Amino acid sequence: MPKPSDLLQGTLDLLILKAISREALHGWGIAKRIQLFSDDVLSVQQGSLYPALHRLEQQGWITAEWKDTETGREAKFYALTREGRRQLERELQTWSRLSLAVEQVLSRA
């Protein structure tokens, strides 16, 4: 089972961007969505998630806003920017090419 440190470089950015593509989420929500949608195969730890969120925010791909959660606590919610949506599309295209190339190598070797 892969661990977060086993992910290909750049994959975490793609997973985060995809996780918030439908709605803004707080950090814990992003981590849970990735874990849920991967059927518990992927688990993103706080030590990887929050530096990545900060980096994505610095790049202008996401924005952050403090809001109340469903439990009444305040949390930082992350949402895609217009440039973030474009970056997500670029990353999805790159992932498709990479995964196809890996599949071709595995099926021919």
PDB file of N, CA and C in Angstrom:
ATOM      1  N   MET A   1       0.835  -1.174   0.000  1.00  0.00           N
ATOM      2  CA  MET A   1       0.000   0.000   0.000  1.00  0.00           C
ATOM      3  C   MET A   1       0.884   1.243   0.000  1.00  0.00           C
ATOM      4  N   PRO A   2       0.695   2.173  -0.954  1.00  0.00           N
ATOM      5  CA  PRO A   2       1.560   3.348  -0.988  1.00  0.00           C
ATOM      6  C   PRO A   2       1.348   4.246   0.214  1.00  0.00           C
ATOM      7  N   LYS A   3       2.413   4.860   0.650  1.00  0.00           N
ATOM      8  CA  LYS A   3       2.368   5.868   1.695  1.00  0.00           C
ATOM      9  C   LYS A   3       2.511   7.221   1.004  1.00  0.00           C
ATOM     10  N   PRO A   4       2.143   8.326   1.675  1.00  0.00           N
ATOM     11  CA  PRO A   4       2.270   9.627   1.035  1.00  0.00           C
ATOM     12  C   PRO A   4       3.679   9.883   0.512  1.00  0.00           C
ATOM     13  N   SER A   5       4.687   9.426   1.212  1.00  0.00           N
ATOM     14  CA  SER A   5       6.055   9.660   0.765  1.00  0.00           C
ATOM     15  C   SER A   5       6.387   8.864  -0.487  1.00  0.00           C
ATOM     16  N   ASP A   6       5.557   7.856  -0.802  1.00  0.00           N
ATOM     17  CA  ASP A   6       5.776   7.040  -1.989  1.00  0.00           C
ATOM     18  C   ASP A   6       5.169   7.656  -3.245  1.00  0.00           C
ATOM     19  N   LEU A   7       4.359   8.699  -3.080  1.00  0.00           N
ATOM     20  CA  LEU A   7       3.710   9.304  -4.233  1.00  0.00           C
ATOM     21  C   LEU A   7       4.745   9.958  -5.135  1.00  0.00           C
ATOM     22  N   LEU A   8       4.503   9.892  -6.429  1.00  0.00           N
ATOM     23  CA  LEU A   8       5.376  10.573  -7.368  1.00  0.00           C
ATOM     24  C   LEU A   8       5.379  12.062  -7.069  1.00  0.00           C
ATOM     25  N   GLN A   9       6.524  12.684  -7.273  1.00  0.00           N
ATOM     26  CA  GLN A   9       6.627  14.115  -7.031  1.00  0.00           C
ATOM     27  C   GLN A   9       5.576  14.849  -7.861  1.00  0.00           C
ATOM     28  N   GLY A  10       4.863  15.760  -7.240  1.00  0.00           N
ATOM     29  CA  GLY A  10       3.827  16.517  -7.927  1.00  0.00           C
ATOM     30  C   GLY A  10       2.451  15.909  -7.824  1.00  0.00           C
ATOM     31  N   THR A  11       2.344  14.644  -7.437  1.00  0.00           N
ATOM     32  CA  THR A  11       1.048  13.989  -7.363  1.00  0.00           C
ATOM     33  C   THR A  11       0.184  14.586  -6.258  1.00  0.00           C
ATOM     34  N   LEU A  12       0.789  14.980  -5.157  1.00  0.00           N
ATOM     35  CA  LEU A  12       0.021  15.559  -4.060  1.00  0.00           C
ATOM     36  C   LEU A  12      -0.673  16.839  -4.513  1.00  0.00           C
ATOM     37  N   ASP A  13       0.021  17.670  -5.278  1.00  0.00           N
ATOM     38  CA  ASP A  13      -0.602  18.892  -5.785  1.00  0.00           C
ATOM     39  C   ASP A  13      -1.838  18.554  -6.606  1.00  0.00           C
ATOM     40  N   LEU A  14      -1.715  17.582  -7.491  1.00  0.00           N
ATOM     41  CA  LEU A  14      -2.837  17.160  -8.326  1.00  0.00           C
ATOM     42  C   LEU A  14      -3.996  16.680  -7.459  1.00  0.00           C
ATOM     43  N   LEU A  15      -3.719  15.860  -6.466  1.00  0.00           N
ATOM     44  CA  LEU A  15      -4.771  15.327  -5.598  1.00  0.00           C
ATOM     45  C   LEU A  15      -5.475  16.439  -4.826  1.00  0.00           C
ATOM     46  N   ILE A  16      -4.719  17.406  -4.337  1.00  0.00           N
ATOM     47  CA  ILE A  16      -5.317  18.527  -3.603  1.00  0.00           C
ATOM     48  C   ILE A  16      -6.189  19.362  -4.528  1.00  0.00           C
ATOM     49  N   LEU A  17      -5.658  19.711  -5.689  1.00  0.00           N
ATOM     50  CA  LEU A  17      -6.429  20.522  -6.629  1.00  0.00           C
ATOM     51  C   LEU A  17      -7.725  19.820  -7.024  1.00  0.00           C
ATOM     52  N   LYS A  18      -7.642  18.527  -7.259  1.00  0.00           N
ATOM     53  CA  LYS A  18      -8.835  17.762  -7.628  1.00  0.00           C
ATOM     54  C   LYS A  18      -9.820  17.689  -6.465  1.00  0.00           C
ATOM     55  N   ALA A  19      -9.302  17.512  -5.255  1.00  0.00           N
ATOM     56  CA  ALA A  19     -10.166  17.389  -4.067  1.00  0.00           C
ATOM     57  C   ALA A  19     -11.009  18.636  -3.843  1.00  0.00           C
ATOM     58  N   ILE A  20     -10.481  19.802  -4.178  1.00  0.00           N
ATOM     59  CA  ILE A  20     -11.234  21.040  -3.950  1.00  0.00           C
ATOM     60  C   ILE A  20     -11.845  21.591  -5.238  1.00  0.00           C
ATOM     61  N   SER A  21     -11.876  20.789  -6.286  1.00  0.00           N
ATOM     62  CA  SER A  21     -12.389  21.280  -7.562  1.00  0.00           C
ATOM     63  C   SER A  21     -13.904  21.508  -7.548  1.00  0.00           C
ATOM     64  N   ARG A  22     -14.626  20.835  -6.681  1.00  0.00           N
ATOM     65  CA  ARG A  22     -16.087  20.993  -6.615  1.00  0.00           C
ATOM     66  C   ARG A  22     -16.533  21.981  -5.547  1.00  0.00           C
ATOM     67  N   GLU A  23     -15.783  22.017  -4.447  1.00  0.00           N
ATOM     68  CA  GLU A  23     -16.164  22.901  -3.346  1.00  0.00           C
ATOM     69  C   GLU A  23     -14.960  23.189  -2.470  1.00  0.00           C
ATOM     70  N   ALA A  24     -15.020  24.311  -1.780  1.00  0.00           N
ATOM     71  CA  ALA A  24     -13.961  24.672  -0.840  1.00  0.00           C
ATOM     72  C   ALA A  24     -13.994  23.702   0.338  1.00  0.00           C
ATOM     73  N   LEU A  25     -12.811  23.322   0.789  1.00  0.00           N
ATOM     74  CA  LEU A  25     -12.686  22.406   1.923  1.00  0.00           C
ATOM     75  C   LEU A  25     -11.584  22.887   2.849  1.00  0.00           C
ATOM     76  N   HIS A  26     -11.687  22.523   4.121  1.00  0.00           N
ATOM     77  CA  HIS A  26     -10.592  22.779   5.053  1.00  0.00           C
ATOM     78  C   HIS A  26      -9.589  21.632   4.942  1.00  0.00           C
ATOM     79  N   GLY A  27      -8.430  21.801   5.546  1.00  0.00           N
ATOM     80  CA  GLY A  27      -7.354  20.820   5.405  1.00  0.00           C
ATOM     81  C   GLY A  27      -7.767  19.401   5.758  1.00  0.00           C
ATOM     82  N   TRP A  28      -8.438  19.234   6.894  1.00  0.00           N
ATOM     83  CA  TRP A  28      -8.866  17.898   7.304  1.00  0.00           C
ATOM     84  C   TRP A  28      -9.828  17.315   6.270  1.00  0.00           C
ATOM     85  N   GLY A  29     -10.718  18.153   5.725  1.00  0.00           N
ATOM     86  CA  GLY A  29     -11.664  17.705   4.710  1.00  0.00           C
ATOM     87  C   GLY A  29     -10.969  17.258   3.434  1.00  0.00           C
ATOM     88  N   ILE A  30      -9.902  17.960   3.061  1.00  0.00           N
ATOM     89  CA  ILE A  30      -9.128  17.581   1.878  1.00  0.00           C
ATOM     90  C   ILE A  30      -8.489  16.212   2.088  1.00  0.00           C
ATOM     91  N   ALA A  31      -7.858  16.051   3.237  1.00  0.00           N
ATOM     92  CA  ALA A  31      -7.203  14.771   3.545  1.00  0.00           C
ATOM     93  C   ALA A  31      -8.212  13.627   3.564  1.00  0.00           C
ATOM     94  N   LYS A  32      -9.373  13.863   4.169  1.00  0.00           N
ATOM     95  CA  LYS A  32     -10.402  12.817   4.245  1.00  0.00           C
ATOM     96  C   LYS A  32     -10.968  12.496   2.871  1.00  0.00           C
ATOM     97  N   ARG A  33     -11.154  13.510   2.027  1.00  0.00           N
ATOM     98  CA  ARG A  33     -11.687  13.265   0.684  1.00  0.00           C
ATOM     99  C   ARG A  33     -10.713  12.406  -0.124  1.00  0.00           C
ATOM    100  N   ILE A  34      -9.424  12.726  -0.050  1.00  0.00           N
ATOM    101  CA  ILE A  34      -8.421  11.934  -0.768  1.00  0.00           C
ATOM    102  C   ILE A  34      -8.430  10.499  -0.260  1.00  0.00           C
ATOM    103  N   GLN A  35      -8.494  10.328   1.050  1.00  0.00           N
ATOM    104  CA  GLN A  35      -8.514   8.991   1.634  1.00  0.00           C
ATOM    105  C   GLN A  35      -9.782   8.238   1.221  1.00  0.00           C
ATOM    106  N   LEU A  36     -10.919   8.898   1.291  1.00  0.00           N
ATOM    107  CA  LEU A  36     -12.193   8.274   0.937  1.00  0.00           C
ATOM    108  C   LEU A  36     -12.233   7.877  -0.536  1.00  0.00           C
ATOM    109  N   PHE A  37     -11.873   8.812  -1.411  1.00  0.00           N
ATOM    110  CA  PHE A  37     -11.972   8.540  -2.852  1.00  0.00           C
ATOM    111  C   PHE A  37     -10.932   7.536  -3.326  1.00  0.00           C
ATOM    112  N   SER A  38      -9.881   7.314  -2.538  1.00  0.00           N
ATOM    113  CA  SER A  38      -8.880   6.303  -2.902  1.00  0.00           C
ATOM    114  C   SER A  38      -9.156   4.975  -2.207  1.00  0.00           C
ATOM    115  N   ASP A  39     -10.337   4.841  -1.609  1.00  0.00           N
ATOM    116  CA  ASP A  39     -10.696   3.627  -0.866  1.00  0.00           C
ATOM    117  C   ASP A  39      -9.659   3.296   0.200  1.00  0.00           C
ATOM    118  N   ASP A  40      -9.218   4.318   0.916  1.00  0.00           N
ATOM    119  CA  ASP A  40      -8.274   4.198   2.032  1.00  0.00           C
ATOM    120  C   ASP A  40      -6.880   3.750   1.615  1.00  0.00           C
ATOM    121  N   VAL A  41      -6.549   3.862   0.338  1.00  0.00           N
ATOM    122  CA  VAL A  41      -5.195   3.514  -0.107  1.00  0.00           C
ATOM    123  C   VAL A  41      -4.247   4.672   0.161  1.00  0.00           C
ATOM    124  N   LEU A  42      -4.719   5.905  -0.066  1.00  0.00           N
ATOM    125  CA  LEU A  42      -3.879   7.084   0.118  1.00  0.00           C
ATOM    126  C   LEU A  42      -4.242   7.791   1.414  1.00  0.00           C
ATOM    127  N   SER A  43      -3.227   8.203   2.138  1.00  0.00           N
ATOM    128  CA  SER A  43      -3.409   8.938   3.378  1.00  0.00           C
ATOM    129  C   SER A  43      -2.414  10.095   3.377  1.00  0.00           C
ATOM    130  N   VAL A  44      -2.934  11.304   3.415  1.00  0.00           N
ATOM    131  CA  VAL A  44      -2.079  12.488   3.381  1.00  0.00           C
ATOM    132  C   VAL A  44      -1.924  13.004   4.807  1.00  0.00           C
ATOM    133  N   GLN A  45      -0.711  13.041   5.271  1.00  0.00           N
ATOM    134  CA  GLN A  45      -0.418  13.499   6.622  1.00  0.00           C
ATOM    135  C   GLN A  45      -0.323  15.022   6.671  1.00  0.00           C
ATOM    136  N   GLN A  46      -0.589  15.598   7.832  1.00  0.00           N
ATOM    137  CA  GLN A  46      -0.545  17.048   8.002  1.00  0.00           C
ATOM    138  C   GLN A  46       0.811  17.638   7.618  1.00  0.00           C
ATOM    139  N   GLY A  47       1.866  16.895   7.909  1.00  0.00           N
ATOM    140  CA  GLY A  47       3.216  17.379   7.607  1.00  0.00           C
ATOM    141  C   GLY A  47       3.481  17.511   6.118  1.00  0.00           C
ATOM    142  N   SER A  48       2.707  16.836   5.295  1.00  0.00           N
ATOM    143  CA  SER A  48       2.801  16.978   3.841  1.00  0.00           C
ATOM    144  C   SER A  48       1.723  17.915   3.305  1.00  0.00           C
ATOM    145  N   LEU A  49       0.521  17.814   3.876  1.00  0.00           N
ATOM    146  CA  LEU A  49      -0.622  18.556   3.364  1.00  0.00           C
ATOM    147  C   LEU A  49      -0.455  20.063   3.514  1.00  0.00           C
ATOM    148  N   TYR A  50      -0.155  20.528   4.714  1.00  0.00           N
ATOM    149  CA  TYR A  50      -0.153  21.970   4.943  1.00  0.00           C
ATOM    150  C   TYR A  50       0.975  22.703   4.224  1.00  0.00           C
ATOM    151  N   PRO A  51       2.177  22.149   4.128  1.00  0.00           N
ATOM    152  CA  PRO A  51       3.179  22.810   3.279  1.00  0.00           C
ATOM    153  C   PRO A  51       2.748  22.859   1.808  1.00  0.00           C
ATOM    154  N   ALA A  52       2.080  21.807   1.343  1.00  0.00           N
ATOM    155  CA  ALA A  52       1.601  21.798  -0.038  1.00  0.00           C
ATOM    156  C   ALA A  52       0.514  22.859  -0.233  1.00  0.00           C
ATOM    157  N   LEU A  53      -0.408  22.970   0.708  1.00  0.00           N
ATOM    158  CA  LEU A  53      -1.446  23.997   0.618  1.00  0.00           C
ATOM    159  C   LEU A  53      -0.827  25.391   0.593  1.00  0.00           C
ATOM    160  N   HIS A  54       0.151  25.606   1.442  1.00  0.00           N
ATOM    161  CA  HIS A  54       0.836  26.908   1.470  1.00  0.00           C
ATOM    162  C   HIS A  54       1.509  27.189   0.123  1.00  0.00           C
ATOM    163  N   ARG A  55       2.167  26.190  -0.434  1.00  0.00           N
ATOM    164  CA  ARG A  55       2.849  26.342  -1.723  1.00  0.00           C
ATOM    165  C   ARG A  55       1.842  26.644  -2.838  1.00  0.00           C
ATOM    166  N   LEU A  56       0.722  25.934  -2.854  1.00  0.00           N
ATOM    167  CA  LEU A  56      -0.302  26.154  -3.874  1.00  0.00           C
ATOM    168  C   LEU A  56      -0.914  27.551  -3.752  1.00  0.00           C
ATOM    169  N   GLU A  57      -1.061  28.009  -2.508  1.00  0.00           N
ATOM    170  CA  GLU A  57      -1.574  29.361  -2.284  1.00  0.00           C
ATOM    171  C   GLU A  57      -0.563  30.405  -2.773  1.00  0.00           C
ATOM    172  N   GLN A  58       0.708  30.174  -2.501  1.00  0.00           N
ATOM    173  CA  GLN A  58       1.770  31.085  -2.968  1.00  0.00           C
ATOM    174  C   GLN A  58       1.805  31.158  -4.490  1.00  0.00           C
ATOM    175  N   GLN A  59       1.512  30.051  -5.153  1.00  0.00           N
ATOM    176  CA  GLN A  59       1.522  30.007  -6.614  1.00  0.00           C
ATOM    177  C   GLN A  59       0.267  30.618  -7.230  1.00  0.00           C
ATOM    178  N   GLY A  60      -0.709  30.950  -6.384  1.00  0.00           N
ATOM    179  CA  GLY A  60      -1.937  31.561  -6.875  1.00  0.00           C
ATOM    180  C   GLY A  60      -2.950  30.574  -7.406  1.00  0.00           C
ATOM    181  N   TRP A  61      -2.777  29.303  -7.110  1.00  0.00           N
ATOM    182  CA  TRP A  61      -3.688  28.274  -7.608  1.00  0.00           C
ATOM    183  C   TRP A  61      -4.859  28.034  -6.678  1.00  0.00           C
ATOM    184  N   ILE A  62      -4.703  28.411  -5.410  1.00  0.00           N
ATOM    185  CA  ILE A  62      -5.797  28.281  -4.452  1.00  0.00           C
ATOM    186  C   ILE A  62      -5.861  29.552  -3.608  1.00  0.00           C
ATOM    187  N   THR A  63      -7.019  29.782  -3.020  1.00  0.00           N
ATOM    188  CA  THR A  63      -7.190  30.859  -2.061  1.00  0.00           C
ATOM    189  C   THR A  63      -7.635  30.230  -0.746  1.00  0.00           C
ATOM    190  N   ALA A  64      -7.440  30.964   0.325  1.00  0.00           N
ATOM    191  CA  ALA A  64      -7.838  30.463   1.644  1.00  0.00           C
ATOM    192  C   ALA A  64      -8.690  31.517   2.340  1.00  0.00           C
ATOM    193  N   GLU A  65      -9.715  31.044   3.033  1.00  0.00           N
ATOM    194  CA  GLU A  65     -10.621  31.935   3.747  1.00  0.00           C
ATOM    195  C   GLU A  65     -11.055  31.255   5.043  1.00  0.00           C
ATOM    196  N   TRP A  66     -10.999  31.997   6.148  1.00  0.00           N
ATOM    197  CA  TRP A  66     -11.449  31.454   7.426  1.00  0.00           C
ATOM    198  C   TRP A  66     -12.972  31.447   7.454  1.00  0.00           C
ATOM    199  N   LYS A  67     -13.554  30.280   7.808  1.00  0.00           N
ATOM    200  CA  LYS A  67     -15.006  30.117   7.907  1.00  0.00           C
ATOM    201  C   LYS A  67     -15.316  29.187   9.072  1.00  0.00           C
ATOM    202  N   ASP A  68     -16.572  29.220   9.486  1.00  0.00           N
ATOM    203  CA  ASP A  68     -17.027  28.272  10.505  1.00  0.00           C
ATOM    204  C   ASP A  68     -17.270  26.915   9.859  1.00  0.00           C
ATOM    205  N   THR A  69     -16.903  25.858  10.590  1.00  0.00           N
ATOM    206  CA  THR A  69     -17.152  24.500  10.123  1.00  0.00           C
ATOM    207  C   THR A  69     -18.533  24.060  10.598  1.00  0.00           C
ATOM    208  N   GLU A  70     -18.913  22.856  10.196  1.00  0.00           N
ATOM    209  CA  GLU A  70     -20.198  22.303  10.613  1.00  0.00           C
ATOM    210  C   GLU A  70     -20.257  22.075  12.127  1.00  0.00           C
ATOM    211  N   THR A  71     -19.101  21.998  12.779  1.00  0.00           N
ATOM    212  CA  THR A  71     -19.060  21.821  14.234  1.00  0.00           C
ATOM    213  C   THR A  71     -19.022  23.153  14.977  1.00  0.00           C
ATOM    214  N   GLY A  72     -19.012  24.264  14.223  1.00  0.00           N
ATOM    215  CA  GLY A  72     -18.982  25.576  14.846  1.00  0.00           C
ATOM    216  C   GLY A  72     -17.582  26.123  15.075  1.00  0.00           C
ATOM    217  N   ARG A  73     -16.582  25.327  14.812  1.00  0.00           N
ATOM    218  CA  ARG A  73     -15.202  25.787  14.947  1.00  0.00           C
ATOM    219  C   ARG A  73     -14.791  26.512  13.674  1.00  0.00           C
ATOM    220  N   GLU A  74     -13.819  27.393  13.795  1.00  0.00           N
ATOM    221  CA  GLU A  74     -13.332  28.115  12.634  1.00  0.00           C
ATOM    222  C   GLU A  74     -12.163  27.362  12.010  1.00  0.00           C
ATOM    223  N   ALA A  75     -12.141  27.302  10.685  1.00  0.00           N
ATOM    224  CA  ALA A  75     -11.070  26.624   9.962  1.00  0.00           C
ATOM    225  C   ALA A  75     -10.811  27.368   8.659  1.00  0.00           C
ATOM    226  N   LYS A  76      -9.634  27.153   8.131  1.00  0.00           N
ATOM    227  CA  LYS A  76      -9.266  27.757   6.858  1.00  0.00           C
ATOM    228  C   LYS A  76      -9.774  26.861   5.738  1.00  0.00           C
ATOM    229  N   PHE A  77     -10.594  27.418   4.869  1.00  0.00           N
ATOM    230  CA  PHE A  77     -11.139  26.688   3.732  1.00  0.00           C
ATOM    231  C   PHE A  77     -10.383  27.089   2.477  1.00  0.00           C
ATOM    232  N   TYR A  78     -10.063  26.106   1.667  1.00  0.00           N
ATOM    233  CA  TYR A  78      -9.273  26.314   0.460  1.00  0.00           C
ATOM    234  C   TYR A  78     -10.148  26.102  -0.764  1.00  0.00           C
ATOM    235  N   ALA A  79      -9.995  26.985  -1.758  1.00  0.00           N
ATOM    236  CA  ALA A  79     -10.765  26.901  -2.998  1.00  0.00           C
ATOM    237  C   ALA A  79      -9.840  27.175  -4.176  1.00  0.00           C
ATOM    238  N   LEU A  80     -10.201  26.632  -5.332  1.00  0.00           N
ATOM    239  CA  LEU A  80      -9.416  26.861  -6.546  1.00  0.00           C
ATOM    240  C   LEU A  80      -9.627  28.274  -7.064  1.00  0.00           C
ATOM    241  N   THR A  81      -8.583  28.861  -7.593  1.00  0.00           N
ATOM    242  CA  THR A  81      -8.686  30.112  -8.332  1.00  0.00           C
ATOM    243  C   THR A  81      -8.885  29.759  -9.805  1.00  0.00           C
ATOM    244  N   ARG A  82      -9.104  30.752 -10.613  1.00  0.00           N
ATOM    245  CA  ARG A  82      -9.221  30.520 -12.061  1.00  0.00           C
ATOM    246  C   ARG A  82      -7.931  29.893 -12.588  1.00  0.00           C
ATOM    247  N   GLU A  83      -6.790  30.427 -12.146  1.00  0.00           N
ATOM    248  CA  GLU A  83      -5.505  29.859 -12.568  1.00  0.00           C
ATOM    249  C   GLU A  83      -5.334  28.442 -12.017  1.00  0.00           C
ATOM    250  N   GLY A  84      -5.871  28.187 -10.828  1.00  0.00           N
ATOM    251  CA  GLY A  84      -5.826  26.851 -10.250  1.00  0.00           C
ATOM    252  C   GLY A  84      -6.599  25.843 -11.086  1.00  0.00           C
ATOM    253  N   ARG A  85      -7.723  26.264 -11.640  1.00  0.00           N
ATOM    254  CA  ARG A  85      -8.494  25.375 -12.525  1.00  0.00           C
ATOM    255  C   ARG A  85      -7.703  25.057 -13.789  1.00  0.00           C
ATOM    256  N   ARG A  86      -7.018  26.064 -14.318  1.00  0.00           N
ATOM    257  CA  ARG A  86      -6.183  25.817 -15.505  1.00  0.00           C
ATOM    258  C   ARG A  86      -5.038  24.874 -15.155  1.00  0.00           C
ATOM    259  N   GLN A  87      -4.441  25.081 -13.982  1.00  0.00           N
ATOM    260  CA  GLN A  87      -3.348  24.209 -13.546  1.00  0.00           C
ATOM    261  C   GLN A  87      -3.837  22.781 -13.339  1.00  0.00           C
ATOM    262  N   LEU A  88      -5.022  22.616 -12.777  1.00  0.00           N
ATOM    263  CA  LEU A  88      -5.594  21.285 -12.596  1.00  0.00           C
ATOM    264  C   LEU A  88      -5.730  20.589 -13.947  1.00  0.00           C
ATOM    265  N   GLU A  89      -6.208  21.292 -14.949  1.00  0.00           N
ATOM    266  CA  GLU A  89      -6.335  20.686 -16.281  1.00  0.00           C
ATOM    267  C   GLU A  89      -4.970  20.287 -16.836  1.00  0.00           C
ATOM    268  N   ARG A  90      -3.967  21.134 -16.671  1.00  0.00           N
ATOM    269  CA  ARG A  90      -2.612  20.788 -17.123  1.00  0.00           C
ATOM    270  C   ARG A  90      -2.097  19.557 -16.388  1.00  0.00           C
ATOM    271  N   GLU A  91      -2.314  19.516 -15.081  1.00  0.00           N
ATOM    272  CA  GLU A  91      -1.830  18.385 -14.282  1.00  0.00           C
ATOM    273  C   GLU A  91      -2.558  17.096 -14.645  1.00  0.00           C
ATOM    274  N   LEU A  92      -3.851  17.185 -14.933  1.00  0.00           N
ATOM    275  CA  LEU A  92      -4.606  16.002 -15.349  1.00  0.00           C
ATOM    276  C   LEU A  92      -4.090  15.471 -16.687  1.00  0.00           C
ATOM    277  N   GLN A  93      -3.772  16.361 -17.607  1.00  0.00           N
ATOM    278  CA  GLN A  93      -3.221  15.940 -18.895  1.00  0.00           C
ATOM    279  C   GLN A  93      -1.856  15.281 -18.704  1.00  0.00           C
ATOM    280  N   THR A  94      -1.021  15.866 -17.859  1.00  0.00           N
ATOM    281  CA  THR A  94       0.298  15.291 -17.586  1.00  0.00           C
ATOM    282  C   THR A  94       0.152  13.919 -16.948  1.00  0.00           C
ATOM    283  N   TRP A  95      -0.755  13.798 -15.981  1.00  0.00           N
ATOM    284  CA  TRP A  95      -0.980  12.511 -15.311  1.00  0.00           C
ATOM    285  C   TRP A  95      -1.464  11.462 -16.305  1.00  0.00           C
ATOM    286  N   SER A  96      -2.353  11.839 -17.202  1.00  0.00           N
ATOM    287  CA  SER A  96      -2.860  10.894 -18.208  1.00  0.00           C
ATOM    288  C   SER A  96      -1.728  10.384 -19.090  1.00  0.00           C
ATOM    289  N   ARG A  97      -0.864  11.292 -19.542  1.00  0.00           N
ATOM    290  CA  ARG A  97       0.264  10.872 -20.378  1.00  0.00           C
ATOM    291  C   ARG A  97       1.207   9.962 -19.605  1.00  0.00           C
ATOM    292  N   LEU A  98       1.496  10.329 -18.363  1.00  0.00           N
ATOM    293  CA  LEU A  98       2.412   9.538 -17.539  1.00  0.00           C
ATOM    294  C   LEU A  98       1.837   8.158 -17.245  1.00  0.00           C
ATOM    295  N   SER A  99       0.582   8.101 -16.834  1.00  0.00           N
ATOM    296  CA  SER A  99      -0.011   6.803 -16.484  1.00  0.00           C
ATOM    297  C   SER A  99      -0.138   5.908 -17.714  1.00  0.00           C
ATOM    298  N   LEU A 100      -0.430   6.491 -18.873  1.00  0.00           N
ATOM    299  CA  LEU A 100      -0.481   5.710 -20.103  1.00  0.00           C
ATOM    300  C   LEU A 100       0.899   5.148 -20.437  1.00  0.00           C
ATOM    301  N   ALA A 101       1.934   5.961 -20.298  1.00  0.00           N
ATOM    302  CA  ALA A 101       3.295   5.508 -20.590  1.00  0.00           C
ATOM    303  C   ALA A 101       3.710   4.381 -19.644  1.00  0.00           C
ATOM    304  N   VAL A 102       3.389   4.512 -18.367  1.00  0.00           N
ATOM    305  CA  VAL A 102       3.723   3.458 -17.403  1.00  0.00           C
ATOM    306  C   VAL A 102       2.966   2.184 -17.752  1.00  0.00           C
ATOM    307  N   GLU A 103       1.692   2.301 -18.072  1.00  0.00           N
ATOM    308  CA  GLU A 103       0.884   1.139 -18.446  1.00  0.00           C
ATOM    309  C   GLU A 103       1.462   0.447 -19.683  1.00  0.00           C
ATOM    310  N   GLN A 104       1.921   1.224 -20.645  1.00  0.00           N
ATOM    311  CA  GLN A 104       2.507   0.644 -21.849  1.00  0.00           C
ATOM    312  C   GLN A 104       3.781  -0.128 -21.517  1.00  0.00           C
ATOM    313  N   VAL A 105       4.611   0.425 -20.656  1.00  0.00           N
ATOM    314  CA  VAL A 105       5.841  -0.271 -20.265  1.00  0.00           C
ATOM    315  C   VAL A 105       5.498  -1.571 -19.534  1.00  0.00           C
ATOM    316  N   LEU A 106       4.542  -1.508 -18.609  1.00  0.00           N
ATOM    317  CA  LEU A 106       4.175  -2.694 -17.842  1.00  0.00           C
ATOM    318  C   LEU A 106       3.556  -3.779 -18.712  1.00  0.00           C
ATOM    319  N   SER A 107       2.804  -3.395 -19.706  1.00  0.00           N
ATOM    320  CA  SER A 107       2.148  -4.401 -20.543  1.00  0.00           C
ATOM    321  C   SER A 107       3.086  -4.993 -21.586  1.00  0.00           C
ATOM    322  N   ARG A 108       4.163  -4.310 -21.901  1.00  0.00           N
ATOM    323  CA  ARG A 108       5.092  -4.790 -22.935  1.00  0.00           C
ATOM    324  C   ARG A 108       6.339  -5.463 -22.371  1.00  0.00           C
ATOM    325  N   ALA A 109       6.607  -5.226 -21.118  1.00  0.00           N
ATOM    326  CA  ALA A 109       7.855  -5.764 -20.543  1.00  0.00           C
ATOM    327  C   ALA A 109       7.721  -7.236 -20.223  1.00  0.00           C
TER     328      ALA A 109
END
